[in-house]
Amino acid sequence: STTTLHWQDLHSNKNVQLTRPIWGKHDQQFTWIDKNTILFLSNRASSDLTQIFQLTLPDDLSTLSGFIEPTQITNYSLNIDNLLVNRNATRLAFSCQVYANLDIEQTNARKQAELDSGRTIYKFDKLYIRHWDEYYTGLRNHPFIVSINRQANGIFQLSSNPVDVLLNIDSDSPTKPFGDAKAQWSFSASGNSFAFTRQHDEDSSVA
């Protein structure tokens, strides 16, 4: 299957497909930055990992013929999720499943080492360890904050390294299994503060 972005004219009911359908590729969690700019998540990256992409729209979408090719903004070594942009478009937040005391690259290296070892044994020393058919094997949803700026050509770029808000805290935000950024994260009006919900402590499933 595939998931693409569409624009709907509420007056004429005209529908315009914005992104090209590619089997196995899914565009999701779009955010309007302004009337001509959309940031969204997609696994269109050559790595097949979910990353942040940008669509730059023409002033009159009703005359659009063909698809708009998105520009990839991030290129991290892990999938990212839960895109949230502050109202000034100077910072954005996303989640990534990392080990509590490791950054994105270190987590990727550890995952690769574990895969190469061929071992599939896990030791659990606290609750909770499973939700339905998913075992919690140490990876945590952590929110990351990164600064962004718009270049002269209108394309956004990262202007800082991602900061793990919960580094060294063995907890999830958004909370597992059903938490999401729209309900549990928020930037302040100034865009300089970030509020979030996480488990009450490292041993609790209560937010």
C-alpha atoms as a PDB file:
ATOM      1  CA  SER A   1       0.000   0.000   0.000  1.00  0.00           C
ATOM      2  CA  THR A   2       0.958   3.661  -0.121  1.00  0.00           C
ATOM      3  CA  THR A   3      -0.134   6.883   1.600  1.00  0.00           C
ATOM      4  CA  THR A   4       0.077  10.276  -0.101  1.00  0.00           C
ATOM      5  CA  LEU A   5      -0.757  13.887   0.719  1.00  0.00           C
ATOM      6  CA  HIS A   6      -3.725  15.621  -0.920  1.00  0.00           C
ATOM      7  CA  TRP A   7      -5.095  19.178  -0.945  1.00  0.00           C
ATOM      8  CA  GLN A   8      -8.844  19.749  -0.809  1.00  0.00           C
ATOM      9  CA  ASP A   9     -10.471  23.003  -1.939  1.00  0.00           C
ATOM     10  CA  LEU A  10     -13.346  23.487   0.520  1.00  0.00           C
ATOM     11  CA  HIS A  11     -15.215  25.806  -1.855  1.00  0.00           C
ATOM     12  CA  SER A  12     -15.093  23.821  -5.098  1.00  0.00           C
ATOM     13  CA  ASN A  13     -14.459  20.416  -3.491  1.00  0.00           C
ATOM     14  CA  LYS A  14     -11.571  19.923  -5.923  1.00  0.00           C
ATOM     15  CA  ASN A  15      -8.950  17.419  -4.758  1.00  0.00           C
ATOM     16  CA  VAL A  16      -5.297  17.692  -5.788  1.00  0.00           C
ATOM     17  CA  GLN A  17      -2.816  14.919  -5.055  1.00  0.00           C
ATOM     18  CA  LEU A  18       0.437  16.515  -3.925  1.00  0.00           C
ATOM     19  CA  THR A  19       2.891  13.633  -3.502  1.00  0.00           C
ATOM     20  CA  ARG A  20       3.705  10.852  -5.910  1.00  0.00           C
ATOM     21  CA  PRO A  21       2.371   7.405  -4.919  1.00  0.00           C
ATOM     22  CA  ILE A  22       5.194   4.889  -4.470  1.00  0.00           C
ATOM     23  CA  TRP A  23       4.439   1.375  -3.278  1.00  0.00           C
ATOM     24  CA  GLY A  24       5.462   0.921   0.356  1.00  0.00           C
ATOM     25  CA  LYS A  25       6.007   4.643   0.957  1.00  0.00           C
ATOM     26  CA  HIS A  26       3.807   6.477   3.448  1.00  0.00           C
ATOM     27  CA  ASP A  27       3.481  10.256   3.895  1.00  0.00           C
ATOM     28  CA  GLN A  28       2.025  11.207   7.285  1.00  0.00           C
ATOM     29  CA  GLN A  29       1.821  13.716  10.149  1.00  0.00           C
ATOM     30  CA  PHE A  30       1.904  16.826   7.960  1.00  0.00           C
ATOM     31  CA  THR A  31       2.212  20.329   9.440  1.00  0.00           C
ATOM     32  CA  TRP A  32       1.424  23.597   7.643  1.00  0.00           C
ATOM     33  CA  ILE A  33       4.260  26.074   8.252  1.00  0.00           C
ATOM     34  CA  ASP A  34       2.665  28.733   6.052  1.00  0.00           C
ATOM     35  CA  LYS A  35       0.385  28.717   3.010  1.00  0.00           C
ATOM     36  CA  ASN A  36       3.208  27.511   0.756  1.00  0.00           C
ATOM     37  CA  THR A  37       5.112  25.139   3.035  1.00  0.00           C
ATOM     38  CA  ILE A  38       4.321  21.744   4.544  1.00  0.00           C
ATOM     39  CA  LEU A  39       6.620  19.633   6.701  1.00  0.00           C
ATOM     40  CA  PHE A  40       5.739  15.967   7.040  1.00  0.00           C
ATOM     41  CA  LEU A  41       7.106  12.539   7.889  1.00  0.00           C
ATOM     42  CA  SER A  42       7.753   9.915   5.238  1.00  0.00           C
ATOM     43  CA  ASN A  43       9.816   6.817   4.586  1.00  0.00           C
ATOM     44  CA  ARG A  44      10.647   8.131   1.097  1.00  0.00           C
ATOM     45  CA  ALA A  45      14.281   8.462   2.150  1.00  0.00           C
ATOM     46  CA  SER A  46      16.775   6.301   0.244  1.00  0.00           C
ATOM     47  CA  SER A  47      17.469   4.570   3.564  1.00  0.00           C
ATOM     48  CA  ASP A  48      13.756   3.608   3.793  1.00  0.00           C
ATOM     49  CA  LEU A  49      13.744   5.201   7.256  1.00  0.00           C
ATOM     50  CA  THR A  50      11.033   7.669   8.252  1.00  0.00           C
ATOM     51  CA  GLN A  51      12.457  11.205   8.087  1.00  0.00           C
ATOM     52  CA  ILE A  52      11.220  14.817   7.802  1.00  0.00           C
ATOM     53  CA  PHE A  53      10.416  16.138   4.327  1.00  0.00           C
ATOM     54  CA  GLN A  54       9.296  19.518   2.997  1.00  0.00           C
ATOM     55  CA  LEU A  55       6.754  20.336   0.309  1.00  0.00           C
ATOM     56  CA  THR A  56       6.907  23.783  -1.295  1.00  0.00           C
ATOM     57  CA  LEU A  57       3.525  24.622  -2.809  1.00  0.00           C
ATOM     58  CA  PRO A  58       2.653  27.009  -5.660  1.00  0.00           C
ATOM     59  CA  ASP A  59       0.429  29.988  -4.861  1.00  0.00           C
ATOM     60  CA  ASP A  60      -2.459  28.499  -6.850  1.00  0.00           C
ATOM     61  CA  LEU A  61      -2.750  24.778  -6.177  1.00  0.00           C
ATOM     62  CA  SER A  62      -5.809  24.463  -8.386  1.00  0.00           C
ATOM     63  CA  THR A  63      -3.572  24.830 -11.447  1.00  0.00           C
ATOM     64  CA  LEU A  64      -1.057  22.207 -10.309  1.00  0.00           C
ATOM     65  CA  SER A  65      -0.344  19.492 -12.861  1.00  0.00           C
ATOM     66  CA  GLY A  66       1.682  16.498 -11.766  1.00  0.00           C
ATOM     67  CA  PHE A  67       3.186  15.868  -8.362  1.00  0.00           C
ATOM     68  CA  ILE A  68       5.456  17.965  -6.150  1.00  0.00           C
ATOM     69  CA  GLU A  69       8.772  16.303  -5.348  1.00  0.00           C
ATOM     70  CA  PRO A  70       9.474  16.736  -1.616  1.00  0.00           C
ATOM     71  CA  THR A  71      12.834  17.779  -0.192  1.00  0.00           C
ATOM     72  CA  GLN A  72      14.357  15.633   2.547  1.00  0.00           C
ATOM     73  CA  ILE A  73      15.247  17.689   5.635  1.00  0.00           C
ATOM     74  CA  THR A  74      16.666  15.092   8.045  1.00  0.00           C
ATOM     75  CA  ASN A  75      18.865  12.049   7.566  1.00  0.00           C
ATOM     76  CA  TYR A  76      19.113  10.324  10.926  1.00  0.00           C
ATOM     77  CA  SER A  77      20.133   6.682  11.292  1.00  0.00           C
ATOM     78  CA  LEU A  78      16.846   5.692  12.984  1.00  0.00           C
ATOM     79  CA  ASN A  79      13.164   6.159  12.219  1.00  0.00           C
ATOM     80  CA  ILE A  80      11.625   9.288  13.715  1.00  0.00           C
ATOM     81  CA  ASP A  81       8.013   9.921  14.681  1.00  0.00           C
ATOM     82  CA  ASN A  82       5.651  12.487  16.259  1.00  0.00           C
ATOM     83  CA  LEU A  83       6.577  15.656  14.380  1.00  0.00           C
ATOM     84  CA  LEU A  84       5.730  18.935  16.143  1.00  0.00           C
ATOM     85  CA  VAL A  85       6.838  22.413  14.991  1.00  0.00           C
ATOM     86  CA  ASN A  86       6.652  25.590  17.082  1.00  0.00           C
ATOM     87  CA  ARG A  87       4.564  28.467  15.732  1.00  0.00           C
ATOM     88  CA  ASN A  88       7.633  30.503  14.770  1.00  0.00           C
ATOM     89  CA  ALA A  89       9.078  27.589  12.769  1.00  0.00           C
ATOM     90  CA  THR A  90      12.381  27.995  14.625  1.00  0.00           C
ATOM     91  CA  ARG A  91      12.327  24.691  16.494  1.00  0.00           C
ATOM     92  CA  LEU A  92      10.789  21.311  15.982  1.00  0.00           C
ATOM     93  CA  ALA A  93      10.358  18.219  18.104  1.00  0.00           C
ATOM     94  CA  PHE A  94      10.262  14.592  17.102  1.00  0.00           C
ATOM     95  CA  SER A  95      10.438  11.280  18.907  1.00  0.00           C
ATOM     96  CA  CYS A  96      12.906   8.496  18.344  1.00  0.00           C
ATOM     97  CA  GLN A  97      13.203   5.075  19.950  1.00  0.00           C
ATOM     98  CA  VAL A  98      16.567   5.110  21.695  1.00  0.00           C
ATOM     99  CA  TYR A  99      18.223   3.514  24.685  1.00  0.00           C
ATOM    100  CA  ALA A 100      17.795   5.853  27.647  1.00  0.00           C
ATOM    101  CA  ASN A 101      21.496   6.681  28.020  1.00  0.00           C
ATOM    102  CA  LEU A 102      22.427   6.730  24.329  1.00  0.00           C
ATOM    103  CA  ASP A 103      21.902   9.211  21.507  1.00  0.00           C
ATOM    104  CA  ILE A 104      20.535   8.336  18.064  1.00  0.00           C
ATOM    105  CA  GLU A 105      23.835   7.291  16.491  1.00  0.00           C
ATOM    106  CA  GLN A 106      24.928   5.335  19.567  1.00  0.00           C
ATOM    107  CA  THR A 107      21.581   3.535  19.684  1.00  0.00           C
ATOM    108  CA  ASN A 108      21.878   2.609  16.024  1.00  0.00           C
ATOM    109  CA  ALA A 109      25.389   1.258  16.616  1.00  0.00           C
ATOM    110  CA  ARG A 110      24.204  -0.825  19.579  1.00  0.00           C
ATOM    111  CA  LYS A 111      21.247  -2.202  17.616  1.00  0.00           C
ATOM    112  CA  GLN A 112      23.555  -3.165  14.763  1.00  0.00           C
ATOM    113  CA  ALA A 113      26.003  -4.848  17.159  1.00  0.00           C
ATOM    114  CA  GLU A 114      23.162  -6.817  18.751  1.00  0.00           C
ATOM    115  CA  LEU A 115      21.914  -7.853  15.317  1.00  0.00           C
ATOM    116  CA  ASP A 116      25.398  -8.928  14.245  1.00  0.00           C
ATOM    117  CA  SER A 117      25.853 -10.978  17.435  1.00  0.00           C
ATOM    118  CA  GLY A 118      22.912 -13.220  16.572  1.00  0.00           C
ATOM    119  CA  ARG A 119      21.730 -13.224  20.195  1.00  0.00           C
ATOM    120  CA  THR A 120      18.000 -13.026  20.909  1.00  0.00           C
ATOM    121  CA  ILE A 121      18.035 -13.374  24.711  1.00  0.00           C
ATOM    122  CA  TYR A 122      16.761 -10.575  26.963  1.00  0.00           C
ATOM    123  CA  LYS A 123      16.859 -10.253  30.737  1.00  0.00           C
ATOM    124  CA  PHE A 124      13.997  -8.332  32.382  1.00  0.00           C
ATOM    125  CA  ASP A 125      14.537  -6.991  35.893  1.00  0.00           C
ATOM    126  CA  LYS A 126      11.475  -4.736  36.308  1.00  0.00           C
ATOM    127  CA  LEU A 127       7.924  -4.243  35.107  1.00  0.00           C
ATOM    128  CA  TYR A 128       6.434  -3.577  32.798  1.00  0.00           C
ATOM    129  CA  ILE A 129       7.861  -5.794  30.095  1.00  0.00           C
ATOM    130  CA  ARG A 130       5.119  -6.336  27.522  1.00  0.00           C
ATOM    131  CA  HIS A 131       1.999  -4.828  26.029  1.00  0.00           C
ATOM    132  CA  TRP A 132      -0.047  -7.443  24.221  1.00  0.00           C
ATOM    133  CA  ASP A 133       2.421  -8.996  21.757  1.00  0.00           C
ATOM    134  CA  GLU A 134       5.129  -6.321  22.031  1.00  0.00           C
ATOM    135  CA  TYR A 135       7.982  -6.833  24.468  1.00  0.00           C
ATOM    136  CA  TYR A 136       9.783  -3.770  25.797  1.00  0.00           C
ATOM    137  CA  THR A 137      13.423  -4.601  25.224  1.00  0.00           C
ATOM    138  CA  GLY A 138      15.035  -1.369  26.398  1.00  0.00           C
ATOM    139  CA  LEU A 139      14.192   1.117  23.650  1.00  0.00           C
ATOM    140  CA  ARG A 140      12.294   4.192  24.815  1.00  0.00           C
ATOM    141  CA  ASN A 141      10.316   6.912  23.057  1.00  0.00           C
ATOM    142  CA  HIS A 142      12.320  10.060  23.751  1.00  0.00           C
ATOM    143  CA  PRO A 143      11.481  13.574  22.513  1.00  0.00           C
ATOM    144  CA  PHE A 144      14.246  15.400  20.667  1.00  0.00           C
ATOM    145  CA  ILE A 145      14.385  19.164  20.081  1.00  0.00           C
ATOM    146  CA  VAL A 146      16.289  20.677  17.163  1.00  0.00           C
ATOM    147  CA  SER A 147      16.594  24.244  15.864  1.00  0.00           C
ATOM    148  CA  ILE A 148      15.708  24.967  12.241  1.00  0.00           C
ATOM    149  CA  ASN A 149      15.971  27.920   9.885  1.00  0.00           C
ATOM    150  CA  ARG A 150      14.750  28.721   6.402  1.00  0.00           C
ATOM    151  CA  GLN A 151      17.398  29.203   3.725  1.00  0.00           C
ATOM    152  CA  ALA A 152      17.226  31.799   0.963  1.00  0.00           C
ATOM    153  CA  ASN A 153      15.689  29.206  -1.370  1.00  0.00           C
ATOM    154  CA  GLY A 154      12.852  28.612   1.107  1.00  0.00           C
ATOM    155  CA  ILE A 155      14.024  25.161   2.186  1.00  0.00           C
ATOM    156  CA  PHE A 156      14.391  24.495   5.901  1.00  0.00           C
ATOM    157  CA  GLN A 157      17.623  23.160   7.328  1.00  0.00           C
ATOM    158  CA  LEU A 158      18.692  21.968  10.768  1.00  0.00           C
ATOM    159  CA  SER A 159      20.798  24.501  12.645  1.00  0.00           C
ATOM    160  CA  SER A 160      21.606  22.431  15.745  1.00  0.00           C
ATOM    161  CA  ASN A 161      22.143  18.874  16.845  1.00  0.00           C
ATOM    162  CA  PRO A 162      19.068  17.130  18.272  1.00  0.00           C
ATOM    163  CA  VAL A 163      18.790  17.373  22.065  1.00  0.00           C
ATOM    164  CA  ASP A 164      17.282  14.392  23.896  1.00  0.00           C
ATOM    165  CA  VAL A 165      14.920  15.897  26.480  1.00  0.00           C
ATOM    166  CA  LEU A 166      14.875  12.645  28.486  1.00  0.00           C
ATOM    167  CA  LEU A 167      18.522  11.644  28.181  1.00  0.00           C
ATOM    168  CA  ASN A 168      19.453   9.170  30.963  1.00  0.00           C
ATOM    169  CA  ILE A 169      15.798   8.852  32.038  1.00  0.00           C
ATOM    170  CA  ASP A 170      14.335   5.379  31.500  1.00  0.00           C
ATOM    171  CA  SER A 171      10.881   6.600  30.520  1.00  0.00           C
ATOM    172  CA  ASP A 172       8.705   7.233  27.462  1.00  0.00           C
ATOM    173  CA  SER A 173       7.259  10.380  25.907  1.00  0.00           C
ATOM    174  CA  PRO A 174       4.896  10.039  24.171  1.00  0.00           C
ATOM    175  CA  THR A 175       3.819   7.354  26.599  1.00  0.00           C
ATOM    176  CA  LYS A 176       3.433   3.789  25.376  1.00  0.00           C
ATOM    177  CA  PRO A 177       1.404   2.269  23.904  1.00  0.00           C
ATOM    178  CA  PHE A 178      -1.167   4.882  22.813  1.00  0.00           C
ATOM    179  CA  GLY A 179       0.353   8.291  23.582  1.00  0.00           C
ATOM    180  CA  ASP A 180       0.950  10.825  20.812  1.00  0.00           C
ATOM    181  CA  ALA A 181       2.607  14.201  20.463  1.00  0.00           C
ATOM    182  CA  LYS A 182      -0.566  16.151  19.683  1.00  0.00           C
ATOM    183  CA  ALA A 183      -2.005  15.206  23.084  1.00  0.00           C
ATOM    184  CA  GLN A 184       1.182  15.039  25.171  1.00  0.00           C
ATOM    185  CA  TRP A 185       3.562  17.664  23.765  1.00  0.00           C
ATOM    186  CA  SER A 186       3.322  21.423  23.347  1.00  0.00           C
ATOM    187  CA  PHE A 187       5.578  24.359  22.552  1.00  0.00           C
ATOM    188  CA  SER A 188       4.979  27.632  24.375  1.00  0.00           C
ATOM    189  CA  ALA A 189       3.673  30.661  22.469  1.00  0.00           C
ATOM    190  CA  SER A 190       7.219  32.040  22.293  1.00  0.00           C
ATOM    191  CA  GLY A 191       8.496  28.727  20.968  1.00  0.00           C
ATOM    192  CA  ASN A 192      11.267  28.700  23.567  1.00  0.00           C
ATOM    193  CA  SER A 193       9.717  26.261  26.057  1.00  0.00           C
ATOM    194  CA  PHE A 194       8.563  22.690  25.580  1.00  0.00           C
ATOM    195  CA  ALA A 195       6.068  20.815  27.766  1.00  0.00           C
ATOM    196  CA  PHE A 196       5.573  17.062  27.641  1.00  0.00           C
ATOM    197  CA  THR A 197       3.993  14.112  29.424  1.00  0.00           C
ATOM    198  CA  ARG A 198       5.986  11.052  30.451  1.00  0.00           C
ATOM    199  CA  GLN A 199       5.639   8.144  32.857  1.00  0.00           C
ATOM    200  CA  HIS A 200       5.579   9.309  36.480  1.00  0.00           C
ATOM    201  CA  ASP A 201       8.859   7.504  37.142  1.00  0.00           C
ATOM    202  CA  GLU A 202      11.073   4.903  35.528  1.00  0.00           C
ATOM    203  CA  ASP A 203       9.182   2.015  37.137  1.00  0.00           C
ATOM    204  CA  SER A 204       5.637   3.191  36.465  1.00  0.00           C
ATOM    205  CA  SER A 205       3.212   2.926  33.573  1.00  0.00           C
ATOM    206  CA  VAL A 206       1.245   5.863  35.034  1.00  0.00           C
ATOM    207  CA  ALA A 207       1.730   9.247  33.350  1.00  0.00           C
END
